[in-house]
Amino acid sequence: MLTKRIIACLDVNAGRVVKGVQFEQLRDAGDPAELAAAHSRAGADEVVLLDISATRENRATLADTVRRTAQQLFVPFTVGGGIRSLEDAMVVFEAGADKVSINSAALAAPSLITRIAERYGSQAVIVAIDAKRINGEARFEAYVSGGRNPTGRDAVAWAQEAEGRGAGEILLTSMDRDGTGAGFDCDLTRACAESLRIPVIASGGGGDVQSFVEVFHDGKADAALAASIFHFGLHRLGDLKRELQSAGIPMRWPC
């Protein structure tokens, strides 16, 4: 059985890691380079840095922050936020990223996925999808601009198109669960996982061991991403991986 991944997420605003609830009420969590190093030492399989204000402020990702963070890591490092062109992606890769995550720009110009994949390989391209339930049903709409603007696009259908255009992974965030600790939206994750051949990373709602067990078993996720529970000491990453291993979820890194 393939091992599952635990990914630590750094949401960065003005050079500092922040975390909120449902994309609002942001609070400071620390320096990205220091937190990245700590998460890596604790056993994170990967680290994702998302410059959450870059798209809204119409600027490029903070290359200096990416560079400082990359220097602290020996695990795969993904960077997203403000990547609107192949040239933007090149800057991020040159600063030390192993993968890029694109969201709003991919929906605005889906050919960007293909251009980056052709240059760096599909394994280096993650398409991030912020999704919200429609009227409480098991249907999901994709949002852009940091979850502020609805697109009218079905999230699962968009994930399928992104795969066809060359994406190597989908980073799927439940806006309804983001920062709540109430558990991942397994309906959302499973709907994407069952319709794709590429890995799906579940995001939004991880709060305890059981929520991770459920998203791997019921949600069929290939990886799970979390932030608050690691940044604020609500759960030790190494302990989480040991408990998941005991629950029958195959984990990387000796726990």
Protein backbone atom coordinates (compact mmCIF):
# COMPACT_ATOMS: atom_id res chain seq x y z
CA MET A 1 0.00 0.00 0.00
CA LEU A 2 1.27 3.46 -0.86
CA THR A 3 2.26 5.61 2.08
CA LYS A 4 0.22 8.70 2.90
CA ARG A 5 1.73 12.13 3.40
CA ILE A 6 1.30 14.74 6.12
CA ILE A 7 1.98 18.24 4.80
CA ALA A 8 2.56 21.30 6.95
CA CYS A 9 1.13 24.52 5.51
CA LEU A 10 2.48 28.02 6.03
CA ASP A 11 -0.04 30.73 5.10
CA VAL A 12 2.09 33.85 4.75
CA ASN A 13 0.86 37.44 4.90
CA ALA A 14 3.37 40.33 4.77
CA GLY A 15 6.22 37.91 5.41
CA ARG A 16 4.69 36.31 8.52
CA VAL A 17 2.85 33.02 8.95
CA VAL A 18 -0.79 33.58 9.86
CA LYS A 19 -3.83 31.39 10.35
CA GLY A 20 -7.52 32.16 10.41
CA VAL A 21 -10.95 30.57 10.33
CA GLN A 22 -12.70 30.18 6.97
CA PHE A 23 -10.10 32.51 5.40
CA GLU A 24 -10.80 35.31 7.92
CA GLN A 25 -9.74 36.41 11.46
CA LEU A 26 -6.04 36.02 10.79
CA ARG A 27 -3.62 35.73 13.71
CA ASP A 28 0.17 35.64 13.74
CA ALA A 29 1.85 32.24 13.98
CA GLY A 30 5.52 33.10 13.51
CA ASP A 31 8.42 33.33 11.06
CA PRO A 32 8.06 31.08 7.97
CA ALA A 33 11.68 29.91 7.85
CA GLU A 34 11.70 29.00 11.55
CA LEU A 35 8.35 27.20 11.37
CA ALA A 36 9.31 25.34 8.20
CA ALA A 37 12.47 24.05 9.86
CA ALA A 38 10.57 23.00 12.96
CA HIS A 39 7.91 21.14 10.96
CA SER A 40 10.57 19.40 8.89
CA ARG A 41 12.41 18.24 12.02
CA ALA A 42 9.12 17.04 13.49
CA GLY A 43 8.52 14.73 10.53
CA ALA A 44 6.52 16.65 7.92
CA ASP A 45 6.69 14.88 4.58
CA GLU A 46 6.42 18.20 2.75
CA VAL A 47 5.98 21.90 3.44
CA VAL A 48 3.70 24.26 1.51
CA LEU A 49 4.07 28.04 1.67
CA LEU A 50 1.09 30.04 0.40
CA ASP A 51 1.51 33.80 0.03
CA ILE A 52 -2.17 34.43 0.71
CA SER A 53 -2.23 38.16 -0.05
CA ALA A 54 -0.17 38.14 -3.27
CA THR A 55 -3.10 37.62 -5.64
CA ARG A 56 -5.34 40.12 -3.85
CA GLU A 57 -2.56 42.71 -3.85
CA ASN A 58 -1.70 41.95 -7.50
CA ARG A 59 1.96 41.28 -6.80
CA ALA A 60 4.43 38.45 -7.19
CA THR A 61 5.27 35.98 -4.45
CA LEU A 62 7.83 37.25 -1.92
CA ALA A 63 11.00 35.66 -3.35
CA ASP A 64 13.15 36.53 -0.32
CA THR A 65 10.73 34.74 2.00
CA VAL A 66 10.75 31.70 -0.30
CA ARG A 67 14.55 31.69 -0.43
CA ARG A 68 14.98 31.95 3.35
CA THR A 69 12.48 29.16 3.90
CA ALA A 70 13.93 26.86 1.24
CA GLN A 71 17.35 27.09 2.87
CA GLN A 72 15.92 25.46 6.01
CA LEU A 73 14.33 22.47 4.28
CA PHE A 74 15.33 18.99 3.17
CA VAL A 75 11.80 17.88 2.28
CA PRO A 76 9.79 18.82 -0.84
CA PHE A 77 8.79 22.49 -0.75
CA THR A 78 5.77 23.92 -2.57
CA VAL A 79 5.10 27.64 -3.03
CA GLY A 80 1.87 29.31 -4.13
CA GLY A 81 0.30 32.76 -4.30
CA GLY A 82 0.83 35.41 -6.95
CA ILE A 83 2.07 33.02 -9.64
CA ARG A 84 0.38 34.33 -12.77
CA SER A 85 2.88 33.42 -15.50
CA LEU A 86 5.66 31.03 -16.44
CA GLU A 87 8.10 33.80 -15.53
CA ASP A 88 6.61 34.07 -12.02
CA ALA A 89 7.00 30.32 -11.62
CA MET A 90 10.61 30.50 -12.76
CA VAL A 91 11.40 33.05 -10.05
CA VAL A 92 9.89 30.80 -7.39
CA PHE A 93 11.76 27.71 -8.61
CA GLU A 94 15.01 29.67 -8.73
CA ALA A 95 14.38 30.75 -5.12
CA GLY A 96 14.33 27.10 -4.03
CA ALA A 97 10.82 25.71 -4.50
CA ASP A 98 10.40 22.14 -5.72
CA LYS A 99 6.78 22.66 -6.80
CA VAL A 100 4.45 25.57 -7.46
CA SER A 101 0.79 25.84 -6.54
CA ILE A 102 -1.47 27.88 -8.81
CA ASN A 103 -5.10 28.75 -8.17
CA SER A 104 -6.72 31.96 -9.47
CA ALA A 105 -4.33 32.27 -12.42
CA ALA A 106 -5.00 28.69 -13.49
CA LEU A 107 -8.74 29.33 -13.67
CA ALA A 108 -8.21 32.59 -15.52
CA ALA A 109 -5.78 31.02 -18.03
CA PRO A 110 -5.78 27.19 -17.82
CA SER A 111 -3.00 26.98 -20.43
CA LEU A 112 -0.64 28.21 -17.68
CA ILE A 113 -0.82 24.72 -16.15
CA THR A 114 0.44 23.21 -19.39
CA ARG A 115 3.20 25.76 -19.89
CA ILE A 116 4.66 25.18 -16.44
CA ALA A 117 4.27 21.39 -16.73
CA GLU A 118 6.05 21.35 -20.09
CA ARG A 119 8.96 23.33 -18.63
CA TYR A 120 9.34 21.69 -15.20
CA GLY A 121 7.28 18.48 -15.37
CA SER A 122 3.77 17.71 -14.10
CA GLN A 123 5.19 16.59 -10.76
CA ALA A 124 6.14 20.24 -10.12
CA VAL A 125 2.66 21.66 -10.77
CA ILE A 126 -0.06 21.64 -8.11
CA VAL A 127 -3.42 23.18 -8.90
CA ALA A 128 -5.04 24.51 -5.73
CA ILE A 129 -8.83 24.58 -5.57
CA ASP A 130 -10.73 26.42 -2.84
CA ALA A 131 -14.18 24.83 -2.79
CA LYS A 132 -17.42 25.55 -0.98
CA ARG A 133 -20.60 23.49 -0.69
CA ILE A 134 -23.56 24.68 -2.71
CA ASN A 135 -26.68 25.03 -0.55
CA GLY A 136 -25.40 22.40 1.88
CA GLU A 137 -25.49 19.69 -0.77
CA ALA A 138 -22.72 17.38 -1.97
CA ARG A 139 -21.93 19.79 -4.81
CA PHE A 140 -19.00 22.17 -4.64
CA GLU A 141 -18.12 25.47 -6.31
CA ALA A 142 -14.57 26.68 -6.90
CA TYR A 143 -13.60 30.11 -5.54
CA VAL A 144 -10.66 32.39 -6.35
CA SER A 145 -8.84 35.44 -4.92
CA GLY A 146 -8.26 33.90 -1.52
CA GLY A 147 -11.77 32.48 -1.35
CA ARG A 148 -13.43 35.83 -1.98
CA ASN A 149 -14.90 35.36 -5.43
CA PRO A 150 -17.12 32.50 -6.67
CA THR A 151 -16.37 31.25 -10.18
CA GLY A 152 -19.53 29.35 -11.06
CA ARG A 153 -17.28 26.37 -11.84
CA ASP A 154 -17.92 22.93 -10.38
CA ALA A 155 -14.85 22.10 -8.28
CA VAL A 156 -14.65 18.44 -9.32
CA ALA A 157 -15.05 19.21 -13.01
CA TRP A 158 -12.34 21.86 -12.72
CA ALA A 159 -10.01 19.36 -11.02
CA GLN A 160 -10.55 16.96 -13.94
CA GLU A 161 -9.72 19.69 -16.45
CA ALA A 162 -6.61 20.67 -14.49
CA GLU A 163 -5.42 17.06 -14.58
CA GLY A 164 -5.97 16.95 -18.33
CA ARG A 165 -3.92 20.12 -18.78
CA GLY A 166 -0.92 18.68 -16.95
CA ALA A 167 -1.37 19.20 -13.20
CA GLY A 168 0.48 16.63 -11.13
CA GLU A 169 -1.55 17.06 -7.93
CA ILE A 170 -4.67 18.82 -6.66
CA LEU A 171 -4.58 20.77 -3.39
CA LEU A 172 -8.23 20.75 -2.37
CA THR A 173 -9.31 23.11 0.41
CA SER A 174 -12.77 23.03 1.96
CA MET A 175 -13.65 26.64 2.66
CA ASP A 176 -16.45 25.47 4.95
CA ARG A 177 -13.99 23.60 7.19
CA ASP A 178 -10.90 25.81 6.92
CA GLY A 179 -9.42 26.56 10.34
CA THR A 180 -12.36 25.05 12.22
CA GLY A 181 -10.72 21.82 13.39
CA ALA A 182 -14.09 20.15 12.75
CA GLY A 183 -12.68 17.52 10.41
CA PHE A 184 -11.99 17.42 6.69
CA ASP A 185 -14.85 17.44 4.19
CA CYS A 186 -14.58 13.79 3.14
CA ASP A 187 -17.41 14.13 0.61
CA LEU A 188 -15.45 16.78 -1.25
CA THR A 189 -12.13 14.94 -1.09
CA ARG A 190 -13.62 11.59 -2.12
CA ALA A 191 -15.50 13.14 -5.06
CA CYS A 192 -12.23 14.46 -6.45
CA ALA A 193 -10.10 11.44 -5.58
CA GLU A 194 -12.50 9.04 -7.29
CA SER A 195 -12.58 11.11 -10.47
CA LEU A 196 -8.83 11.65 -10.86
CA ARG A 197 -5.68 9.62 -11.45
CA ILE A 198 -3.37 12.17 -9.83
CA PRO A 199 -2.96 12.61 -6.04
CA VAL A 200 -5.42 14.71 -4.06
CA ILE A 201 -4.21 16.67 -1.03
CA ALA A 202 -6.99 17.31 1.50
CA SER A 203 -7.00 20.66 3.27
CA GLY A 204 -9.31 22.45 5.69
CA GLY A 205 -10.58 21.10 9.00
CA GLY A 206 -7.87 18.82 10.36
CA GLY A 207 -8.22 18.91 14.12
CA ASP A 208 -7.48 15.54 15.68
CA VAL A 209 -6.17 12.10 14.79
CA GLN A 210 -9.62 10.78 13.89
CA SER A 211 -10.15 13.52 11.32
CA PHE A 212 -6.95 12.44 9.55
CA VAL A 213 -7.92 8.76 9.74
CA GLU A 214 -11.29 9.60 8.18
CA VAL A 215 -9.88 11.66 5.31
CA PHE A 216 -7.46 8.90 4.38
CA HIS A 217 -9.99 6.07 4.75
CA ASP A 218 -13.32 7.66 3.81
CA GLY A 219 -12.07 10.65 1.84
CA LYS A 220 -9.54 8.58 -0.12
CA ALA A 221 -6.98 11.39 0.13
CA ASP A 222 -3.37 10.76 -0.84
CA ALA A 223 -2.12 13.45 1.54
CA ALA A 224 -3.51 15.73 4.22
CA LEU A 225 -2.43 19.29 4.85
CA ALA A 226 -2.81 21.20 8.09
CA ALA A 227 -1.58 24.38 9.71
CA SER A 228 -3.17 25.50 12.98
CA ILE A 229 -2.81 22.20 14.82
CA PHE A 230 0.95 22.26 14.23
CA HIS A 231 1.68 26.00 14.51
CA PHE A 232 -0.08 26.48 17.84
CA GLY A 233 1.00 23.23 19.46
CA LEU A 234 -2.41 21.59 19.40
CA HIS A 235 -0.86 18.37 18.14
CA ARG A 236 2.74 17.22 17.67
CA LEU A 237 3.34 16.15 14.09
CA GLY A 238 5.44 13.14 15.04
CA ASP A 239 2.80 11.94 17.49
CA LEU A 240 0.12 12.30 14.82
CA LYS A 241 2.09 10.14 12.40
CA ARG A 242 2.70 7.47 15.03
CA GLU A 243 -1.01 7.34 15.86
CA LEU A 244 -1.95 7.16 12.19
CA GLN A 245 0.52 4.32 11.69
CA SER A 246 -1.12 2.49 14.60
CA ALA A 247 -4.53 3.07 12.98
CA GLY A 248 -3.38 1.28 9.85
CA ILE A 249 -2.53 4.35 7.78
CA PRO A 250 0.88 3.77 6.15
CA MET A 251 3.19 6.66 6.97
CA ARG A 252 6.61 7.77 5.78
CA TRP A 253 9.43 8.66 8.19
CA PRO A 254 10.27 6.36 11.13
CA CYS A 255 7.75 7.27 13.84
